[in-house]
């Protein structure tokens, strides 16, 4: 019985070595280790949205201010955004506008609205409304409009447009009624 066990051990060891030899000669371990096979493939990559947008203000769309005392006046104007990569590449939520003048707070609209269908295959029209206050300083204000596209994402600004805000007449006095004690004609700086 002991002899049979020895022979069986030799047979099993021999079969094991033959199995290892066959696996090595057939390169079977490359399948077991998960090594990938190699081959050449042609690949084409297209990168879209490379060109940045251009932004322009329609100068003739800037209205005259109609601002009431103690109120605001809405100034509606139009902006054209173009992208050589196509109108569908324009980020429609990125179009913004503001009015600035030295010494005055900026007046802005951070969400201009797309108007209708695309103007062309590369351009879209937007309406922007900026509120001006009755106390805003008269004179020349700068208009800045900005937009991005979906591919390039670079914010492009146009600062080449200005408009003139006329002098607005108005006064706010508080209290509304001014009263004095006795005032005598011909006297100066009387103490009460």
N, C-alpha and C. Protein backbone atom coordinates (compact mmCIF):
# COMPACT_ATOMS: atom_id res chain seq x y z
N UNK A 1 0.82 -1.18 0.00
CA UNK A 1 0.00 0.00 0.00
C UNK A 1 0.87 1.25 0.00
N UNK A 2 1.95 1.17 0.72
CA UNK A 2 2.84 2.31 0.79
C UNK A 2 3.48 2.55 -0.56
N UNK A 3 3.76 1.52 -1.31
CA UNK A 3 4.34 1.64 -2.62
C UNK A 3 3.35 2.31 -3.58
N UNK A 4 2.11 1.95 -3.45
CA UNK A 4 1.08 2.54 -4.32
C UNK A 4 0.95 4.04 -4.07
N UNK A 5 1.09 4.43 -2.84
CA UNK A 5 1.02 5.85 -2.52
C UNK A 5 2.21 6.61 -3.13
N UNK A 6 3.35 6.03 -3.12
CA UNK A 6 4.54 6.66 -3.69
C UNK A 6 4.35 6.80 -5.20
N UNK A 7 3.90 5.69 -5.86
CA UNK A 7 3.66 5.76 -7.30
C UNK A 7 2.59 6.82 -7.64
N UNK A 8 1.53 6.88 -6.86
CA UNK A 8 0.46 7.85 -7.10
C UNK A 8 1.00 9.27 -6.95
N UNK A 9 1.89 9.47 -5.97
CA UNK A 9 2.47 10.80 -5.77
C UNK A 9 3.33 11.20 -6.96
N UNK A 10 4.10 10.24 -7.49
CA UNK A 10 4.94 10.52 -8.66
C UNK A 10 4.06 10.82 -9.88
N UNK A 11 3.01 10.09 -10.04
CA UNK A 11 2.10 10.30 -11.18
C UNK A 11 1.46 11.68 -11.08
N UNK A 12 0.99 12.04 -9.89
CA UNK A 12 0.36 13.35 -9.70
C UNK A 12 1.38 14.46 -9.93
N UNK A 13 2.60 14.35 -9.41
CA UNK A 13 3.64 15.35 -9.60
C UNK A 13 4.01 15.45 -11.07
N UNK A 14 4.07 14.31 -11.75
CA UNK A 14 4.40 14.30 -13.19
C UNK A 14 3.31 14.99 -14.00
N UNK A 15 2.05 14.69 -13.67
CA UNK A 15 0.94 15.35 -14.37
C UNK A 15 0.95 16.85 -14.13
N UNK A 16 1.28 17.23 -12.92
CA UNK A 16 1.34 18.65 -12.58
C UNK A 16 2.41 19.34 -13.42
N UNK A 17 3.61 18.74 -13.53
CA UNK A 17 4.70 19.33 -14.31
C UNK A 17 4.34 19.38 -15.79
N UNK A 18 3.68 18.34 -16.30
CA UNK A 18 3.24 18.34 -17.70
C UNK A 18 2.22 19.48 -17.90
N UNK A 19 1.33 19.66 -16.95
CA UNK A 19 0.33 20.73 -17.05
C UNK A 19 0.99 22.10 -17.08
N UNK A 20 1.98 22.30 -16.23
CA UNK A 20 2.69 23.58 -16.18
C UNK A 20 3.41 23.81 -17.50
N UNK A 21 4.05 22.74 -18.04
CA UNK A 21 4.76 22.86 -19.30
C UNK A 21 3.80 23.26 -20.43
N UNK A 22 2.64 22.62 -20.47
CA UNK A 22 1.65 22.95 -21.51
C UNK A 22 1.15 24.39 -21.37
N UNK A 23 0.89 24.83 -20.14
CA UNK A 23 0.43 26.19 -19.93
C UNK A 23 1.47 27.20 -20.38
N UNK A 24 2.73 26.93 -20.09
CA UNK A 24 3.80 27.84 -20.49
C UNK A 24 3.99 27.84 -21.99
N UNK A 25 3.97 26.69 -22.62
CA UNK A 25 4.20 26.62 -24.06
C UNK A 25 3.04 27.23 -24.84
N UNK A 26 1.84 27.20 -24.30
CA UNK A 26 0.68 27.80 -24.98
C UNK A 26 0.47 29.26 -24.59
N UNK A 27 1.35 29.78 -23.74
CA UNK A 27 1.24 31.16 -23.25
C UNK A 27 -0.11 31.37 -22.55
N UNK A 28 -0.55 30.40 -21.85
CA UNK A 28 -1.85 30.45 -21.20
C UNK A 28 -1.88 31.41 -20.03
N UNK A 29 -0.71 31.70 -19.45
CA UNK A 29 -0.70 32.59 -18.30
C UNK A 29 -1.07 34.04 -18.68
N UNK A 30 -0.90 34.38 -19.98
CA UNK A 30 -1.29 35.74 -20.38
C UNK A 30 -2.80 35.91 -20.25
N UNK A 31 -3.55 34.86 -20.39
CA UNK A 31 -5.00 34.94 -20.22
C UNK A 31 -5.37 34.95 -18.74
N UNK A 32 -4.62 34.25 -17.96
CA UNK A 32 -4.91 34.15 -16.54
C UNK A 32 -4.59 35.47 -15.83
N UNK A 33 -3.49 36.13 -16.23
CA UNK A 33 -3.08 37.35 -15.55
C UNK A 33 -3.89 38.56 -15.99
N UNK A 34 -4.66 38.43 -17.04
CA UNK A 34 -5.47 39.55 -17.50
C UNK A 34 -4.72 40.48 -18.41
N UNK A 35 -3.56 40.07 -18.89
CA UNK A 35 -2.79 40.93 -19.80
C UNK A 35 -3.58 41.10 -21.09
N UNK A 36 -3.72 42.34 -21.52
CA UNK A 36 -4.50 42.63 -22.71
C UNK A 36 -3.71 42.32 -23.96
N UNK A 37 -4.42 41.95 -24.97
CA UNK A 37 -3.76 41.77 -26.26
C UNK A 37 -3.56 43.15 -26.87
N UNK A 38 -2.65 43.27 -27.81
CA UNK A 38 -2.38 44.56 -28.43
C UNK A 38 -2.73 44.51 -29.91
N UNK A 39 -3.18 45.67 -30.40
CA UNK A 39 -3.42 45.82 -31.82
C UNK A 39 -3.49 47.31 -32.12
N UNK A 40 -3.27 47.70 -33.36
CA UNK A 40 -3.31 49.10 -33.77
C UNK A 40 -4.73 49.50 -34.14
N UNK A 41 -5.12 50.73 -33.77
CA UNK A 41 -6.44 51.28 -34.11
C UNK A 41 -6.25 52.71 -34.58
N UNK A 42 -7.03 53.14 -35.54
CA UNK A 42 -7.06 54.54 -35.96
C UNK A 42 -8.10 55.26 -35.13
N UNK A 43 -7.79 56.47 -34.65
CA UNK A 43 -8.69 57.22 -33.80
C UNK A 43 -8.68 58.68 -34.23
N UNK A 44 -9.88 59.26 -34.34
CA UNK A 44 -10.01 60.67 -34.67
C UNK A 44 -10.71 61.36 -33.51
N UNK A 45 -10.11 62.44 -33.00
CA UNK A 45 -10.69 63.20 -31.89
C UNK A 45 -11.01 64.60 -32.41
N UNK A 46 -12.25 65.03 -32.19
CA UNK A 46 -12.66 66.38 -32.58
C UNK A 46 -12.93 67.18 -31.32
N UNK A 47 -12.25 68.32 -31.19
CA UNK A 47 -12.44 69.20 -30.05
C UNK A 47 -13.32 70.35 -30.51
N UNK A 48 -14.48 70.52 -29.89
CA UNK A 48 -15.41 71.58 -30.28
C UNK A 48 -15.32 72.77 -29.35
N UNK A 49 -15.86 73.90 -29.81
CA UNK A 49 -15.94 75.07 -28.96
C UNK A 49 -14.61 75.74 -28.72
N UNK A 50 -13.70 75.68 -29.67
CA UNK A 50 -12.38 76.25 -29.47
C UNK A 50 -12.38 77.77 -29.59
N UNK A 51 -13.25 78.31 -30.43
CA UNK A 51 -13.29 79.75 -30.67
C UNK A 51 -14.15 80.45 -29.64
N UNK A 52 -13.64 81.55 -29.09
CA UNK A 52 -14.41 82.33 -28.11
C UNK A 52 -15.49 83.14 -28.82
N UNK A 53 -16.46 83.60 -28.05
CA UNK A 53 -17.57 84.39 -28.60
C UNK A 53 -17.12 85.82 -28.88
N UNK A 54 -17.91 86.53 -29.68
CA UNK A 54 -17.77 87.97 -29.83
C UNK A 54 -19.09 88.59 -29.38
N UNK A 55 -19.01 89.76 -28.78
CA UNK A 55 -20.20 90.40 -28.20
C UNK A 55 -20.27 91.82 -28.75
N UNK A 56 -21.45 92.24 -29.20
CA UNK A 56 -21.61 93.61 -29.67
C UNK A 56 -22.94 94.18 -29.19
N UNK A 57 -22.93 95.48 -28.92
CA UNK A 57 -24.13 96.19 -28.46
C UNK A 57 -24.72 96.90 -29.67
N UNK A 58 -26.00 96.80 -29.81
CA UNK A 58 -26.68 97.52 -30.88
C UNK A 58 -26.86 98.95 -30.40
N UNK A 59 -25.98 99.87 -30.82
CA UNK A 59 -25.96 101.26 -30.34
C UNK A 59 -27.30 101.95 -30.48
N UNK A 60 -27.97 101.72 -31.58
CA UNK A 60 -29.23 102.42 -31.79
C UNK A 60 -30.34 101.91 -30.88
N UNK A 61 -30.07 100.85 -30.13
CA UNK A 61 -31.11 100.31 -29.24
C UNK A 61 -31.05 100.92 -27.84
N UNK A 62 -30.02 101.74 -27.54
CA UNK A 62 -29.94 102.36 -26.22
C UNK A 62 -30.94 103.52 -26.16
N UNK A 63 -31.92 103.44 -25.28
CA UNK A 63 -32.96 104.47 -25.24
C UNK A 63 -32.54 105.68 -24.41
N UNK A 64 -33.31 106.73 -24.52
CA UNK A 64 -33.15 107.87 -23.61
C UNK A 64 -33.79 107.47 -22.28
N UNK A 65 -33.21 107.96 -21.22
CA UNK A 65 -33.73 107.61 -19.90
C UNK A 65 -35.04 108.34 -19.63
N UNK A 66 -36.01 107.64 -19.12
CA UNK A 66 -37.27 108.24 -18.68
C UNK A 66 -37.43 107.83 -17.23
N UNK A 67 -36.90 108.68 -16.35
CA UNK A 67 -36.84 108.32 -14.94
C UNK A 67 -37.66 109.31 -14.14
N UNK A 68 -38.54 108.79 -13.32
CA UNK A 68 -39.38 109.66 -12.50
C UNK A 68 -38.69 109.98 -11.18
N UNK A 69 -39.13 111.08 -10.56
CA UNK A 69 -38.58 111.48 -9.27
C UNK A 69 -38.80 110.35 -8.26
N UNK A 70 -37.79 110.05 -7.51
CA UNK A 70 -37.78 108.98 -6.51
C UNK A 70 -38.02 107.60 -7.13
N UNK A 71 -37.66 107.43 -8.39
CA UNK A 71 -37.89 106.14 -9.03
C UNK A 71 -36.71 105.71 -9.89
N UNK A 72 -36.98 104.70 -10.68
CA UNK A 72 -35.98 104.18 -11.61
C UNK A 72 -36.56 104.23 -13.01
N UNK A 73 -35.68 104.16 -13.96
CA UNK A 73 -36.07 104.05 -15.36
C UNK A 73 -35.38 102.84 -15.94
N UNK A 74 -36.12 101.98 -16.59
CA UNK A 74 -35.55 100.77 -17.19
C UNK A 74 -35.03 101.09 -18.58
N UNK A 75 -33.78 100.79 -18.81
CA UNK A 75 -33.17 101.01 -20.12
C UNK A 75 -32.99 99.66 -20.81
N UNK A 76 -33.83 99.40 -21.79
CA UNK A 76 -33.81 98.16 -22.56
C UNK A 76 -32.94 98.35 -23.79
N UNK A 77 -32.00 97.46 -24.02
CA UNK A 77 -31.17 97.51 -25.22
C UNK A 77 -30.84 96.08 -25.65
N UNK A 78 -30.28 95.94 -26.85
CA UNK A 78 -30.05 94.62 -27.44
C UNK A 78 -28.57 94.36 -27.68
N UNK A 79 -28.22 93.09 -27.53
CA UNK A 79 -26.84 92.62 -27.65
C UNK A 79 -26.84 91.44 -28.62
N UNK A 80 -25.85 91.40 -29.50
CA UNK A 80 -25.67 90.25 -30.38
C UNK A 80 -24.43 89.49 -29.93
N UNK A 81 -24.58 88.18 -29.73
CA UNK A 81 -23.46 87.31 -29.36
C UNK A 81 -23.24 86.35 -30.52
N UNK A 82 -22.00 86.26 -31.00
CA UNK A 82 -21.67 85.39 -32.13
C UNK A 82 -20.57 84.42 -31.72
N UNK A 83 -20.59 83.24 -32.35
CA UNK A 83 -19.57 82.22 -32.08
C UNK A 83 -19.32 81.45 -33.38
N UNK A 84 -18.08 81.47 -33.85
CA UNK A 84 -17.73 80.78 -35.09
C UNK A 84 -18.00 79.27 -35.00
N UNK A 85 -18.05 78.74 -33.77
CA UNK A 85 -18.33 77.32 -33.59
C UNK A 85 -19.82 77.01 -33.68
N UNK A 86 -20.65 78.03 -33.87
CA UNK A 86 -22.09 77.84 -34.02
C UNK A 86 -22.86 78.45 -32.86
N UNK A 87 -24.08 78.88 -33.17
CA UNK A 87 -24.93 79.51 -32.16
C UNK A 87 -25.24 78.57 -31.01
N UNK A 88 -25.28 77.27 -31.28
CA UNK A 88 -25.59 76.30 -30.22
C UNK A 88 -24.46 76.20 -29.19
N UNK A 89 -23.29 76.76 -29.49
CA UNK A 89 -22.15 76.73 -28.55
C UNK A 89 -22.17 77.92 -27.59
N UNK A 90 -23.08 78.89 -27.79
CA UNK A 90 -23.16 80.06 -26.92
C UNK A 90 -23.86 79.68 -25.62
N UNK A 91 -23.28 80.07 -24.50
CA UNK A 91 -23.87 79.80 -23.18
C UNK A 91 -24.94 80.87 -22.93
N UNK A 92 -26.20 80.49 -23.12
CA UNK A 92 -27.29 81.48 -23.05
C UNK A 92 -27.50 82.05 -21.66
N UNK A 93 -26.98 81.42 -20.63
CA UNK A 93 -27.14 81.94 -19.27
C UNK A 93 -25.97 82.85 -18.86
N UNK A 94 -25.01 83.06 -19.75
CA UNK A 94 -23.82 83.83 -19.39
C UNK A 94 -23.87 85.29 -19.82
N UNK A 95 -24.87 85.69 -20.59
CA UNK A 95 -24.89 87.04 -21.14
C UNK A 95 -25.28 88.04 -20.05
N UNK A 96 -24.40 89.04 -19.83
CA UNK A 96 -24.58 90.01 -18.75
C UNK A 96 -24.27 91.40 -19.28
N UNK A 97 -24.80 92.42 -18.60
CA UNK A 97 -24.52 93.81 -19.00
C UNK A 97 -24.45 94.69 -17.77
N UNK A 98 -23.66 95.77 -17.87
CA UNK A 98 -23.67 96.77 -16.80
C UNK A 98 -23.32 98.14 -17.36
N UNK A 99 -23.73 99.17 -16.61
CA UNK A 99 -23.40 100.55 -16.92
C UNK A 99 -22.51 101.05 -15.79
N UNK A 100 -21.42 101.74 -16.14
CA UNK A 100 -20.52 102.28 -15.11
C UNK A 100 -20.14 103.72 -15.45
N UNK A 101 -19.87 104.46 -14.37
CA UNK A 101 -19.38 105.84 -14.48
C UNK A 101 -18.54 106.09 -13.23
N UNK A 102 -17.42 106.73 -13.40
CA UNK A 102 -16.54 107.00 -12.27
C UNK A 102 -17.31 107.71 -11.16
N UNK A 103 -17.15 107.22 -9.94
CA UNK A 103 -17.80 107.81 -8.78
C UNK A 103 -19.23 107.36 -8.56
N UNK A 104 -19.74 106.50 -9.42
CA UNK A 104 -21.12 106.02 -9.31
C UNK A 104 -21.11 104.49 -9.13
N UNK A 105 -22.10 103.96 -8.41
CA UNK A 105 -22.19 102.50 -8.33
C UNK A 105 -22.59 101.92 -9.69
N UNK A 106 -22.10 100.73 -9.98
CA UNK A 106 -22.45 100.07 -11.24
C UNK A 106 -23.93 99.71 -11.24
N UNK A 107 -24.54 99.86 -12.38
CA UNK A 107 -25.94 99.43 -12.59
C UNK A 107 -25.84 98.22 -13.51
N UNK A 108 -26.46 97.12 -13.12
CA UNK A 108 -26.22 95.89 -13.89
C UNK A 108 -27.45 95.01 -14.08
N UNK A 109 -27.30 94.12 -15.05
CA UNK A 109 -28.26 93.06 -15.32
C UNK A 109 -27.43 91.80 -15.51
N UNK A 110 -27.61 90.84 -14.62
CA UNK A 110 -26.79 89.63 -14.69
C UNK A 110 -27.51 88.49 -15.40
N UNK A 111 -28.61 88.80 -16.06
CA UNK A 111 -29.33 87.72 -16.77
C UNK A 111 -30.09 88.29 -17.97
N UNK A 112 -29.34 88.67 -18.99
CA UNK A 112 -29.99 89.11 -20.23
C UNK A 112 -30.73 87.92 -20.83
N UNK A 113 -31.75 88.19 -21.63
CA UNK A 113 -32.65 87.13 -22.12
C UNK A 113 -32.52 86.98 -23.63
N UNK A 114 -32.40 85.71 -24.08
CA UNK A 114 -32.34 85.43 -25.52
C UNK A 114 -33.67 85.81 -26.15
N UNK A 115 -33.60 86.49 -27.30
CA UNK A 115 -34.80 86.94 -28.00
C UNK A 115 -35.01 86.06 -29.22
N UNK A 116 -36.11 85.31 -29.22
CA UNK A 116 -36.51 84.54 -30.39
C UNK A 116 -35.51 83.50 -30.83
N UNK A 117 -35.62 83.14 -32.12
CA UNK A 117 -34.75 82.13 -32.72
C UNK A 117 -33.37 82.73 -32.98
N UNK A 118 -32.42 81.88 -33.31
CA UNK A 118 -31.07 82.35 -33.63
C UNK A 118 -31.12 83.32 -34.81
N UNK A 119 -30.28 84.36 -34.77
CA UNK A 119 -30.20 85.31 -35.88
C UNK A 119 -29.61 84.65 -37.12
N UNK A 120 -28.66 83.76 -36.89
CA UNK A 120 -28.01 83.01 -37.97
C UNK A 120 -27.47 81.72 -37.37
N UNK A 121 -26.72 80.97 -38.15
CA UNK A 121 -26.16 79.72 -37.63
C UNK A 121 -25.07 79.99 -36.59
N UNK A 122 -24.58 81.25 -36.49
CA UNK A 122 -23.51 81.58 -35.55
C UNK A 122 -23.85 82.69 -34.58
N UNK A 123 -25.05 83.28 -34.64
CA UNK A 123 -25.37 84.45 -33.81
C UNK A 123 -26.73 84.36 -33.14
N UNK A 124 -26.80 84.97 -31.94
CA UNK A 124 -28.04 85.05 -31.18
C UNK A 124 -28.23 86.49 -30.70
N UNK A 125 -29.50 86.90 -30.54
CA UNK A 125 -29.84 88.24 -30.07
C UNK A 125 -30.35 88.15 -28.64
N UNK A 126 -29.97 89.10 -27.79
CA UNK A 126 -30.36 89.13 -26.38
C UNK A 126 -30.89 90.51 -26.03
N UNK A 127 -31.88 90.55 -25.15
CA UNK A 127 -32.35 91.83 -24.61
C UNK A 127 -31.84 91.95 -23.19
N UNK A 128 -31.37 93.14 -22.87
CA UNK A 128 -30.85 93.42 -21.53
C UNK A 128 -31.58 94.66 -21.00
N UNK A 129 -31.95 94.63 -19.74
CA UNK A 129 -32.59 95.78 -19.11
C UNK A 129 -31.79 96.16 -17.88
N UNK A 130 -31.37 97.43 -17.84
CA UNK A 130 -30.62 97.95 -16.70
C UNK A 130 -31.40 99.12 -16.13
N UNK A 131 -31.66 99.11 -14.84
CA UNK A 131 -32.39 100.19 -14.18
C UNK A 131 -31.43 101.29 -13.75
N UNK A 132 -31.80 102.53 -14.09
CA UNK A 132 -31.06 103.71 -13.66
C UNK A 132 -31.91 104.45 -12.63
N UNK A 133 -31.29 104.99 -11.60
CA UNK A 133 -32.00 105.69 -10.53
C UNK A 133 -32.06 107.18 -10.82
N UNK A 134 -33.04 107.83 -10.25
CA UNK A 134 -33.23 109.27 -10.43
C UNK A 134 -32.04 110.08 -9.92
N UNK A 135 -31.28 109.55 -8.99
CA UNK A 135 -30.14 110.27 -8.44
C UNK A 135 -28.82 109.92 -9.12
N UNK A 136 -28.85 109.06 -10.16
CA UNK A 136 -27.61 108.74 -10.86
C UNK A 136 -27.09 109.99 -11.57
N UNK A 137 -25.78 110.15 -11.56
CA UNK A 137 -25.14 111.33 -12.12
C UNK A 137 -25.33 111.38 -13.63
N UNK A 138 -25.60 112.57 -14.12
CA UNK A 138 -25.75 112.74 -15.56
C UNK A 138 -24.37 112.68 -16.21
N UNK A 139 -24.34 112.46 -17.51
CA UNK A 139 -23.08 112.42 -18.24
C UNK A 139 -22.93 111.10 -19.00
N UNK A 140 -21.71 110.83 -19.40
CA UNK A 140 -21.41 109.65 -20.22
C UNK A 140 -21.18 108.43 -19.33
N UNK A 141 -21.92 107.39 -19.60
CA UNK A 141 -21.79 106.11 -18.90
C UNK A 141 -21.23 105.08 -19.88
N UNK A 142 -20.40 104.18 -19.38
CA UNK A 142 -19.84 103.09 -20.20
C UNK A 142 -20.74 101.87 -20.11
N UNK A 143 -20.90 101.20 -21.23
CA UNK A 143 -21.69 99.97 -21.30
C UNK A 143 -20.72 98.81 -21.45
N UNK A 144 -20.83 97.82 -20.58
CA UNK A 144 -20.04 96.59 -20.70
C UNK A 144 -21.00 95.43 -20.86
N UNK A 145 -20.78 94.64 -21.91
CA UNK A 145 -21.55 93.41 -22.09
C UNK A 145 -20.56 92.25 -22.15
N UNK A 146 -20.98 91.09 -21.64
CA UNK A 146 -20.07 89.94 -21.58
C UNK A 146 -20.84 88.65 -21.82
N UNK A 147 -20.13 87.64 -22.32
CA UNK A 147 -20.73 86.33 -22.56
C UNK A 147 -19.62 85.28 -22.67
N UNK A 148 -20.02 84.02 -22.54
CA UNK A 148 -19.08 82.90 -22.75
C UNK A 148 -19.74 81.90 -23.70
N UNK A 149 -18.94 80.94 -24.15
CA UNK A 149 -19.53 79.84 -24.89
C UNK A 149 -19.37 78.55 -24.09
N UNK A 150 -19.96 77.50 -24.56
CA UNK A 150 -19.94 76.24 -23.81
C UNK A 150 -18.61 75.51 -23.95
N UNK A 151 -17.92 75.70 -25.08
CA UNK A 151 -16.66 74.98 -25.31
C UNK A 151 -15.46 75.70 -24.74
N UNK A 152 -15.29 76.96 -25.08
CA UNK A 152 -14.11 77.72 -24.67
C UNK A 152 -14.23 78.21 -23.23
N UNK A 153 -15.40 78.62 -22.82
CA UNK A 153 -15.75 79.12 -21.48
C UNK A 153 -14.99 80.38 -21.05
N UNK A 154 -14.28 81.03 -21.97
CA UNK A 154 -13.58 82.28 -21.64
C UNK A 154 -14.59 83.42 -21.67
N UNK A 155 -14.64 84.21 -20.61
CA UNK A 155 -15.54 85.36 -20.55
C UNK A 155 -14.99 86.45 -21.46
N UNK A 156 -15.79 86.83 -22.45
CA UNK A 156 -15.40 87.89 -23.39
C UNK A 156 -16.25 89.12 -23.10
N UNK A 157 -15.58 90.28 -22.95
CA UNK A 157 -16.28 91.52 -22.64
C UNK A 157 -16.12 92.51 -23.78
N UNK A 158 -17.16 93.29 -24.01
CA UNK A 158 -17.10 94.39 -24.95
C UNK A 158 -17.37 95.67 -24.15
N UNK A 159 -16.43 96.60 -24.19
CA UNK A 159 -16.55 97.85 -23.42
C UNK A 159 -16.48 99.06 -24.34
N UNK A 160 -16.85 98.90 -25.61
CA UNK A 160 -16.66 99.97 -26.59
C UNK A 160 -17.86 100.90 -26.73
N UNK A 161 -18.94 100.66 -26.00
CA UNK A 161 -20.15 101.46 -26.16
C UNK A 161 -20.37 102.37 -24.96
N UNK A 162 -20.82 103.59 -25.23
CA UNK A 162 -21.16 104.57 -24.20
C UNK A 162 -22.55 105.12 -24.50
N UNK A 163 -23.17 105.71 -23.49
CA UNK A 163 -24.41 106.45 -23.72
C UNK A 163 -24.42 107.65 -22.79
N UNK A 164 -25.23 108.63 -23.13
CA UNK A 164 -25.30 109.86 -22.35
C UNK A 164 -26.59 109.86 -21.54
N UNK A 165 -26.47 109.98 -20.22
CA UNK A 165 -27.62 110.11 -19.33
C UNK A 165 -27.83 111.59 -19.08
N UNK A 166 -28.96 112.14 -19.49
CA UNK A 166 -29.19 113.57 -19.31
C UNK A 166 -29.41 113.92 -17.84
N UNK A 167 -29.27 115.19 -17.55
CA UNK A 167 -29.52 115.67 -16.19
C UNK A 167 -31.00 115.48 -15.87
N UNK A 168 -31.26 114.95 -14.72
CA UNK A 168 -32.64 114.70 -14.31
C UNK A 168 -33.00 115.71 -13.22
N UNK A 169 -34.15 116.34 -13.38
CA UNK A 169 -34.54 117.31 -12.36
C UNK A 169 -35.41 116.62 -11.33
N UNK A 170 -35.09 116.83 -10.10
CA UNK A 170 -35.86 116.25 -9.01
C UNK A 170 -35.20 116.59 -7.70
N UNK A 171 -36.00 116.65 -6.68
CA UNK A 171 -35.46 116.93 -5.35
C UNK A 171 -36.32 116.19 -4.35
N UNK A 172 -35.68 115.68 -3.34
CA UNK A 172 -36.40 115.01 -2.27
C UNK A 172 -36.02 115.72 -0.98
N UNK A 173 -37.03 116.23 -0.27
CA UNK A 173 -36.79 116.96 0.97
C UNK A 173 -37.55 116.25 2.09
N UNK A 174 -36.89 116.11 3.19
CA UNK A 174 -37.56 115.51 4.34
C UNK A 174 -37.15 116.30 5.57
N UNK A 175 -38.05 116.79 6.34
CA UNK A 175 -39.50 116.68 6.21
C UNK A 175 -39.99 117.52 5.02
N UNK A 176 -41.17 117.19 4.53
CA UNK A 176 -41.70 117.84 3.34
C UNK A 176 -42.03 119.31 3.57
N UNK A 177 -42.29 119.74 4.81
CA UNK A 177 -42.65 121.12 5.11
C UNK A 177 -41.56 121.74 5.97
N UNK A 178 -41.12 122.92 5.57
CA UNK A 178 -40.12 123.66 6.35
C UNK A 178 -40.85 124.80 7.07
N UNK A 179 -40.60 124.95 8.34
CA UNK A 179 -41.23 126.02 9.11
C UNK A 179 -40.19 126.79 9.89
N UNK A 180 -40.50 128.07 10.13
CA UNK A 180 -39.63 128.91 10.93
C UNK A 180 -40.48 129.60 12.00
N UNK A 181 -39.82 129.97 13.04
CA UNK A 181 -40.50 130.81 14.04
C UNK A 181 -40.65 132.19 13.40
N UNK A 182 -40.84 133.18 14.14
CA UNK A 182 -41.02 134.53 13.60
C UNK A 182 -39.79 134.95 12.82
N UNK A 183 -40.03 135.41 11.61
CA UNK A 183 -38.95 135.90 10.76
C UNK A 183 -39.23 137.37 10.51
N UNK A 184 -38.23 138.20 10.76
CA UNK A 184 -38.40 139.65 10.57
C UNK A 184 -37.64 140.09 9.34
N UNK A 185 -38.30 140.83 8.51
CA UNK A 185 -37.69 141.32 7.30
C UNK A 185 -36.56 142.29 7.63
N UNK A 186 -35.44 142.12 6.89
CA UNK A 186 -34.32 143.02 7.08
C UNK A 186 -33.36 142.62 8.17
N UNK A 187 -33.56 141.50 8.85
CA UNK A 187 -32.64 141.07 9.89
C UNK A 187 -31.88 139.84 9.42
N UNK A 188 -30.69 139.69 9.98
CA UNK A 188 -29.85 138.55 9.61
C UNK A 188 -29.58 137.70 10.84
N UNK A 189 -29.51 136.45 10.66
CA UNK A 189 -29.07 135.50 11.67
C UNK A 189 -29.67 135.75 13.06
N UNK A 190 -30.95 135.82 13.13
CA UNK A 190 -31.59 136.03 14.43
C UNK A 190 -31.56 134.75 15.24
N UNK A 191 -31.35 134.91 16.49
CA UNK A 191 -31.45 133.76 17.39
C UNK A 191 -32.88 133.65 17.87
N UNK A 192 -33.33 132.47 18.06
CA UNK A 192 -34.71 132.27 18.46
C UNK A 192 -34.83 132.12 19.95
